[in-house]
Amino acid sequence: MRPICNIIYKSDIAYQILDIIGIHHFLNSDDSINKQVLGLYVHEMGGSRVLQREDNFLICGEIEEAIQYE
């Protein structure tokens, strides 16, 4: 699934959505989230933040502010 807009704002910080993946991919047998596996996936995608929307995780990277050089 590809996002229509790949930028999302959370607490006034802009994030680029790198991937959208179903939460069910990271569930343990007791339906808890396997945070270690999720963290490995986020690292592999080059992300720095995970946001949740409905039944999906949004793997995001923070967009750094542009610096103007004179």
PDB file of N, CA and C in Angstrom:
ATOM      1  N   MET A   1       0.847  -1.174   0.000  1.00  0.00           N
ATOM      2  CA  MET A   1       0.000   0.000   0.000  1.00  0.00           C
ATOM      3  C   MET A   1       0.892   1.236   0.000  1.00  0.00           C
ATOM      4  N   ARG A   2       0.708   2.132  -0.917  1.00  0.00           N
ATOM      5  CA  ARG A   2       1.479   3.357  -1.006  1.00  0.00           C
ATOM      6  C   ARG A   2       0.627   4.533  -0.557  1.00  0.00           C
ATOM      7  N   PRO A   3       1.212   5.425   0.254  1.00  0.00           N
ATOM      8  CA  PRO A   3       0.450   6.588   0.707  1.00  0.00           C
ATOM      9  C   PRO A   3       0.215   7.575  -0.420  1.00  0.00           C
ATOM     10  N   ILE A   4      -0.915   8.279  -0.357  1.00  0.00           N
ATOM     11  CA  ILE A   4      -1.210   9.317  -1.337  1.00  0.00           C
ATOM     12  C   ILE A   4      -0.294  10.511  -1.088  1.00  0.00           C
ATOM     13  N   CYS A   5      -0.154  10.893   0.147  1.00  0.00           N
ATOM     14  CA  CYS A   5       0.752  11.964   0.548  1.00  0.00           C
ATOM     15  C   CYS A   5       1.757  11.340   1.498  1.00  0.00           C
ATOM     16  N   ASN A   6       3.042  11.504   1.233  1.00  0.00           N
ATOM     17  CA  ASN A   6       4.005  10.811   2.074  1.00  0.00           C
ATOM     18  C   ASN A   6       4.596  11.687   3.174  1.00  0.00           C
ATOM     19  N   ILE A   7       3.907  12.770   3.549  1.00  0.00           N
ATOM     20  CA  ILE A   7       4.334  13.604   4.669  1.00  0.00           C
ATOM     21  C   ILE A   7       3.208  13.669   5.683  1.00  0.00           C
ATOM     22  N   ILE A   8       3.570  13.504   6.958  1.00  0.00           N
ATOM     23  CA  ILE A   8       2.597  13.565   8.041  1.00  0.00           C
ATOM     24  C   ILE A   8       3.205  14.407   9.159  1.00  0.00           C
ATOM     25  N   TYR A   9       2.367  15.126   9.876  1.00  0.00           N
ATOM     26  CA  TYR A   9       2.824  15.981  10.967  1.00  0.00           C
ATOM     27  C   TYR A   9       2.349  15.410  12.298  1.00  0.00           C
ATOM     28  N   LYS A  10       3.256  15.376  13.265  1.00  0.00           N
ATOM     29  CA  LYS A  10       2.948  14.916  14.618  1.00  0.00           C
ATOM     30  C   LYS A  10       3.697  15.826  15.576  1.00  0.00           C
ATOM     31  N   SER A  11       2.957  16.519  16.443  1.00  0.00           N
ATOM     32  CA  SER A  11       3.561  17.452  17.405  1.00  0.00           C
ATOM     33  C   SER A  11       4.446  18.484  16.706  1.00  0.00           C
ATOM     34  N   ASP A  12       3.930  19.036  15.614  1.00  0.00           N
ATOM     35  CA  ASP A  12       4.619  20.075  14.837  1.00  0.00           C
ATOM     36  C   ASP A  12       5.942  19.621  14.228  1.00  0.00           C
ATOM     37  N   ILE A  13       6.125  18.332  14.080  1.00  0.00           N
ATOM     38  CA  ILE A  13       7.311  17.791  13.422  1.00  0.00           C
ATOM     39  C   ILE A  13       6.844  17.088  12.149  1.00  0.00           C
ATOM     40  N   ALA A  14       7.530  17.350  11.046  1.00  0.00           N
ATOM     41  CA  ALA A  14       7.186  16.737   9.764  1.00  0.00           C
ATOM     42  C   ALA A  14       7.931  15.407   9.621  1.00  0.00           C
ATOM     43  N   TYR A  15       7.198  14.385   9.204  1.00  0.00           N
ATOM     44  CA  TYR A  15       7.771  13.068   8.967  1.00  0.00           C
ATOM     45  C   TYR A  15       7.435  12.618   7.559  1.00  0.00           C
ATOM     46  N   GLN A  16       8.397  11.973   6.925  1.00  0.00           N
ATOM     47  CA  GLN A  16       8.156  11.331   5.641  1.00  0.00           C
ATOM     48  C   GLN A  16       7.748   9.893   5.916  1.00  0.00           C
ATOM     49  N   ILE A  17       6.650   9.457   5.316  1.00  0.00           N
ATOM     50  CA  ILE A  17       6.212   8.066   5.474  1.00  0.00           C
ATOM     51  C   ILE A  17       7.033   7.208   4.526  1.00  0.00           C
ATOM     52  N   LEU A  18       7.808   6.307   5.097  1.00  0.00           N
ATOM     53  CA  LEU A  18       8.672   5.430   4.319  1.00  0.00           C
ATOM     54  C   LEU A  18       7.968   4.138   3.922  1.00  0.00           C
ATOM     55  N   ASP A  19       7.068   3.677   4.779  1.00  0.00           N
ATOM     56  CA  ASP A  19       6.347   2.435   4.509  1.00  0.00           C
ATOM     57  C   ASP A  19       5.102   2.373   5.384  1.00  0.00           C
ATOM     58  N   ILE A  20       4.123   1.646   4.917  1.00  0.00           N
ATOM     59  CA  ILE A  20       2.908   1.356   5.681  1.00  0.00           C
ATOM     60  C   ILE A  20       2.787  -0.159   5.728  1.00  0.00           C
ATOM     61  N   ILE A  21       2.686  -0.700   6.935  1.00  0.00           N
ATOM     62  CA  ILE A  21       2.640  -2.153   7.078  1.00  0.00           C
ATOM     63  C   ILE A  21       1.629  -2.530   8.159  1.00  0.00           C
ATOM     64  N   GLY A  22       0.939  -3.607   7.939  1.00  0.00           N
ATOM     65  CA  GLY A  22      -0.075  -4.071   8.885  1.00  0.00           C
ATOM     66  C   GLY A  22       0.519  -4.462  10.228  1.00  0.00           C
ATOM     67  N   ILE A  23      -0.187  -4.102  11.289  1.00  0.00           N
ATOM     68  CA  ILE A  23       0.262  -4.431  12.643  1.00  0.00           C
ATOM     69  C   ILE A  23       0.392  -5.946  12.824  1.00  0.00           C
ATOM     70  N   HIS A  24      -0.457  -6.710  12.147  1.00  0.00           N
ATOM     71  CA  HIS A  24      -0.465  -8.165  12.327  1.00  0.00           C
ATOM     72  C   HIS A  24       0.887  -8.814  12.016  1.00  0.00           C
ATOM     73  N   HIS A  25       1.739  -8.129  11.257  1.00  0.00           N
ATOM     74  CA  HIS A  25       3.067  -8.673  10.941  1.00  0.00           C
ATOM     75  C   HIS A  25       3.987  -8.705  12.165  1.00  0.00           C
ATOM     76  N   PHE A  26       3.639  -7.956  13.208  1.00  0.00           N
ATOM     77  CA  PHE A  26       4.509  -7.829  14.373  1.00  0.00           C
ATOM     78  C   PHE A  26       3.871  -8.360  15.656  1.00  0.00           C
ATOM     79  N   LEU A  27       2.831  -9.161  15.530  1.00  0.00           N
ATOM     80  CA  LEU A  27       2.147  -9.691  16.713  1.00  0.00           C
ATOM     81  C   LEU A  27       2.785 -10.982  17.199  1.00  0.00           C
ATOM     82  N   ASN A  28       2.918 -11.087  18.515  1.00  0.00           N
ATOM     83  CA  ASN A  28       3.321 -12.339  19.155  1.00  0.00           C
ATOM     84  C   ASN A  28       2.104 -13.246  19.246  1.00  0.00           C
ATOM     85  N   SER A  29       2.305 -14.461  19.707  1.00  0.00           N
ATOM     86  CA  SER A  29       1.194 -15.412  19.825  1.00  0.00           C
ATOM     87  C   SER A  29       0.127 -14.952  20.824  1.00  0.00           C
ATOM     88  N   ASP A  30       0.513 -14.074  21.773  1.00  0.00           N
ATOM     89  CA  ASP A  30      -0.463 -13.563  22.739  1.00  0.00           C
ATOM     90  C   ASP A  30      -1.046 -12.208  22.309  1.00  0.00           C
ATOM     91  N   ASP A  31      -0.883 -11.849  21.032  1.00  0.00           N
ATOM     92  CA  ASP A  31      -1.394 -10.611  20.418  1.00  0.00           C
ATOM     93  C   ASP A  31      -0.726  -9.342  20.930  1.00  0.00           C
ATOM     94  N   SER A  32       0.406  -9.456  21.607  1.00  0.00           N
ATOM     95  CA  SER A  32       1.178  -8.273  21.977  1.00  0.00           C
ATOM     96  C   SER A  32       2.125  -7.931  20.821  1.00  0.00           C
ATOM     97  N   ILE A  33       2.570  -6.689  20.784  1.00  0.00           N
ATOM     98  CA  ILE A  33       3.473  -6.246  19.723  1.00  0.00           C
ATOM     99  C   ILE A  33       4.900  -6.696  20.053  1.00  0.00           C
ATOM    100  N   ASN A  34       5.563  -7.313  19.088  1.00  0.00           N
ATOM    101  CA  ASN A  34       6.961  -7.688  19.246  1.00  0.00           C
ATOM    102  C   ASN A  34       7.797  -6.456  18.893  1.00  0.00           C
ATOM    103  N   LYS A  35       8.136  -5.668  19.904  1.00  0.00           N
ATOM    104  CA  LYS A  35       8.828  -4.397  19.699  1.00  0.00           C
ATOM    105  C   LYS A  35      10.240  -4.585  19.152  1.00  0.00           C
ATOM    106  N   GLN A  36      10.874  -5.688  19.474  1.00  0.00           N
ATOM    107  CA  GLN A  36      12.224  -5.941  18.968  1.00  0.00           C
ATOM    108  C   GLN A  36      12.200  -6.140  17.451  1.00  0.00           C
ATOM    109  N   VAL A  37      11.275  -6.940  16.967  1.00  0.00           N
ATOM    110  CA  VAL A  37      11.165  -7.177  15.526  1.00  0.00           C
ATOM    111  C   VAL A  37      10.729  -5.893  14.816  1.00  0.00           C
ATOM    112  N   LEU A  38       9.790  -5.169  15.414  1.00  0.00           N
ATOM    113  CA  LEU A  38       9.359  -3.893  14.835  1.00  0.00           C
ATOM    114  C   LEU A  38      10.546  -2.932  14.749  1.00  0.00           C
ATOM    115  N   GLY A  39      11.341  -2.861  15.805  1.00  0.00           N
ATOM    116  CA  GLY A  39      12.513  -1.985  15.802  1.00  0.00           C
ATOM    117  C   GLY A  39      13.517  -2.346  14.724  1.00  0.00           C
ATOM    118  N   LEU A  40      13.728  -3.638  14.520  1.00  0.00           N
ATOM    119  CA  LEU A  40      14.623  -4.089  13.455  1.00  0.00           C
ATOM    120  C   LEU A  40      14.103  -3.679  12.086  1.00  0.00           C
ATOM    121  N   TYR A  41      12.791  -3.798  11.903  1.00  0.00           N
ATOM    122  CA  TYR A  41      12.187  -3.419  10.624  1.00  0.00           C
ATOM    123  C   TYR A  41      12.324  -1.915  10.386  1.00  0.00           C
ATOM    124  N   VAL A  42      12.059  -1.126  11.415  1.00  0.00           N
ATOM    125  CA  VAL A  42      12.183   0.332  11.300  1.00  0.00           C
ATOM    126  C   VAL A  42      13.617   0.709  10.950  1.00  0.00           C
ATOM    127  N   HIS A  43      14.575   0.077  11.621  1.00  0.00           N
ATOM    128  CA  HIS A  43      15.985   0.339  11.338  1.00  0.00           C
ATOM    129  C   HIS A  43      16.320  -0.021   9.889  1.00  0.00           C
ATOM    130  N   GLU A  44      15.847  -1.169   9.432  1.00  0.00           N
ATOM    131  CA  GLU A  44      16.097  -1.614   8.058  1.00  0.00           C
ATOM    132  C   GLU A  44      15.525  -0.635   7.025  1.00  0.00           C
ATOM    133  N   MET A  45      14.393  -0.026   7.341  1.00  0.00           N
ATOM    134  CA  MET A  45      13.753   0.929   6.428  1.00  0.00           C
ATOM    135  C   MET A  45      14.373   2.324   6.527  1.00  0.00           C
ATOM    136  N   GLY A  46      15.250   2.543   7.501  1.00  0.00           N
ATOM    137  CA  GLY A  46      15.870   3.848   7.675  1.00  0.00           C
ATOM    138  C   GLY A  46      14.976   4.837   8.402  1.00  0.00           C
ATOM    139  N   GLY A  47      14.015   4.330   9.153  1.00  0.00           N
ATOM    140  CA  GLY A  47      13.068   5.175   9.868  1.00  0.00           C
ATOM    141  C   GLY A  47      13.556   5.589  11.235  1.00  0.00           C
ATOM    142  N   SER A  48      12.842   6.563  11.804  1.00  0.00           N
ATOM    143  CA  SER A  48      13.173   7.038  13.144  1.00  0.00           C
ATOM    144  C   SER A  48      11.956   7.107  14.056  1.00  0.00           C
ATOM    145  N   ARG A  49      10.779   6.821  13.490  1.00  0.00           N
ATOM    146  CA  ARG A  49       9.540   6.939  14.278  1.00  0.00           C
ATOM    147  C   ARG A  49       8.495   5.997  13.697  1.00  0.00           C
ATOM    148  N   VAL A  50       7.673   5.431  14.581  1.00  0.00           N
ATOM    149  CA  VAL A  50       6.547   4.591  14.161  1.00  0.00           C
ATOM    150  C   VAL A  50       5.276   5.254  14.661  1.00  0.00           C
ATOM    151  N   LEU A  51       4.342   5.475  13.762  1.00  0.00           N
ATOM    152  CA  LEU A  51       3.030   6.000  14.118  1.00  0.00           C
ATOM    153  C   LEU A  51       1.994   4.939  13.770  1.00  0.00           C
ATOM    154  N   GLN A  52       0.894   4.942  14.492  1.00  0.00           N
ATOM    155  CA  GLN A  52      -0.152   3.949  14.243  1.00  0.00           C
ATOM    156  C   GLN A  52      -1.387   4.641  13.695  1.00  0.00           C
ATOM    157  N   ARG A  53      -1.916   4.108  12.611  1.00  0.00           N
ATOM    158  CA  ARG A  53      -3.176   4.560  12.029  1.00  0.00           C
ATOM    159  C   ARG A  53      -4.024   3.325  11.768  1.00  0.00           C
ATOM    160  N   GLU A  54      -5.116   3.226  12.502  1.00  0.00           N
ATOM    161  CA  GLU A  54      -6.013   2.074  12.404  1.00  0.00           C
ATOM    162  C   GLU A  54      -5.223   0.791  12.630  1.00  0.00           C
ATOM    163  N   ASP A  55      -5.227  -0.130  11.674  1.00  0.00           N
ATOM    164  CA  ASP A  55      -4.543  -1.419  11.828  1.00  0.00           C
ATOM    165  C   ASP A  55      -3.182  -1.444  11.143  1.00  0.00           C
ATOM    166  N   ASN A  56      -2.580  -0.275  10.959  1.00  0.00           N
ATOM    167  CA  ASN A  56      -1.294  -0.176  10.271  1.00  0.00           C
ATOM    168  C   ASN A  56      -0.285   0.613  11.086  1.00  0.00           C
ATOM    169  N   PHE A  57       0.973   0.273  10.877  1.00  0.00           N
ATOM    170  CA  PHE A  57       2.069   1.080  11.381  1.00  0.00           C
ATOM    171  C   PHE A  57       2.582   1.923  10.215  1.00  0.00           C
ATOM    172  N   LEU A  58       2.841   3.196  10.487  1.00  0.00           N
ATOM    173  CA  LEU A  58       3.478   4.067   9.514  1.00  0.00           C
ATOM    174  C   LEU A  58       4.939   4.182   9.932  1.00  0.00           C
ATOM    175  N   ILE A  59       5.828   3.696   9.107  1.00  0.00           N
ATOM    176  CA  ILE A  59       7.256   3.784   9.382  1.00  0.00           C
ATOM    177  C   ILE A  59       7.723   5.115   8.795  1.00  0.00           C
ATOM    178  N   CYS A  60       8.228   5.984   9.671  1.00  0.00           N
ATOM    179  CA  CYS A  60       8.504   7.361   9.269  1.00  0.00           C
ATOM    180  C   CYS A  60       9.939   7.765   9.577  1.00  0.00           C
ATOM    181  N   GLY A  61      10.397   8.746   8.818  1.00  0.00           N
ATOM    182  CA  GLY A  61      11.677   9.389   9.077  1.00  0.00           C
ATOM    183  C   GLY A  61      11.435  10.876   9.243  1.00  0.00           C
ATOM    184  N   GLU A  62      12.071  11.466  10.239  1.00  0.00           N
ATOM    185  CA  GLU A  62      11.885  12.896  10.496  1.00  0.00           C
ATOM    186  C   GLU A  62      12.510  13.712   9.367  1.00  0.00           C
ATOM    187  N   ILE A  63      11.777  14.719   8.921  1.00  0.00           N
ATOM    188  CA  ILE A  63      12.273  15.621   7.882  1.00  0.00           C
ATOM    189  C   ILE A  63      12.994  16.764   8.585  1.00  0.00           C
ATOM    190  N   GLU A  64      14.270  16.885   8.305  1.00  0.00           N
ATOM    191  CA  GLU A  64      15.046  17.945   8.928  1.00  0.00           C
ATOM    192  C   GLU A  64      14.680  19.288   8.301  1.00  0.00           C
ATOM    193  N   GLU A  65      14.782  20.328   9.112  1.00  0.00           N
ATOM    194  CA  GLU A  65      14.472  21.665   8.614  1.00  0.00           C
ATOM    195  C   GLU A  65      15.546  22.087   7.620  1.00  0.00           C
ATOM    196  N   ALA A  66      15.098  22.792   6.599  1.00  0.00           N
ATOM    197  CA  ALA A  66      16.028  23.297   5.607  1.00  0.00           C
ATOM    198  C   ALA A  66      16.856  24.443   6.209  1.00  0.00           C
ATOM    199  N   ILE A  67      18.115  24.454   5.878  1.00  0.00           N
ATOM    200  CA  ILE A  67      19.003  25.506   6.349  1.00  0.00           C
ATOM    201  C   ILE A  67      19.370  26.373   5.159  1.00  0.00           C
ATOM    202  N   GLN A  68      19.145  27.655   5.297  1.00  0.00           N
ATOM    203  CA  GLN A  68      19.449  28.574   4.209  1.00  0.00           C
ATOM    204  C   GLN A  68      20.852  29.128   4.410  1.00  0.00           C
ATOM    205  N   TYR A  69      21.682  28.968   3.402  1.00  0.00           N
ATOM    206  CA  TYR A  69      23.047  29.513   3.443  1.00  0.00           C
ATOM    207  C   TYR A  69      23.092  30.796   2.630  1.00  0.00           C
ATOM    208  N   GLU A  70      23.760  31.777   3.170  1.00  0.00           N
ATOM    209  CA  GLU A  70      23.879  33.053   2.465  1.00  0.00           C
ATOM    210  C   GLU A  70      25.276  33.272   1.973  1.00  0.00           C
TER     211      GLU A  70
END
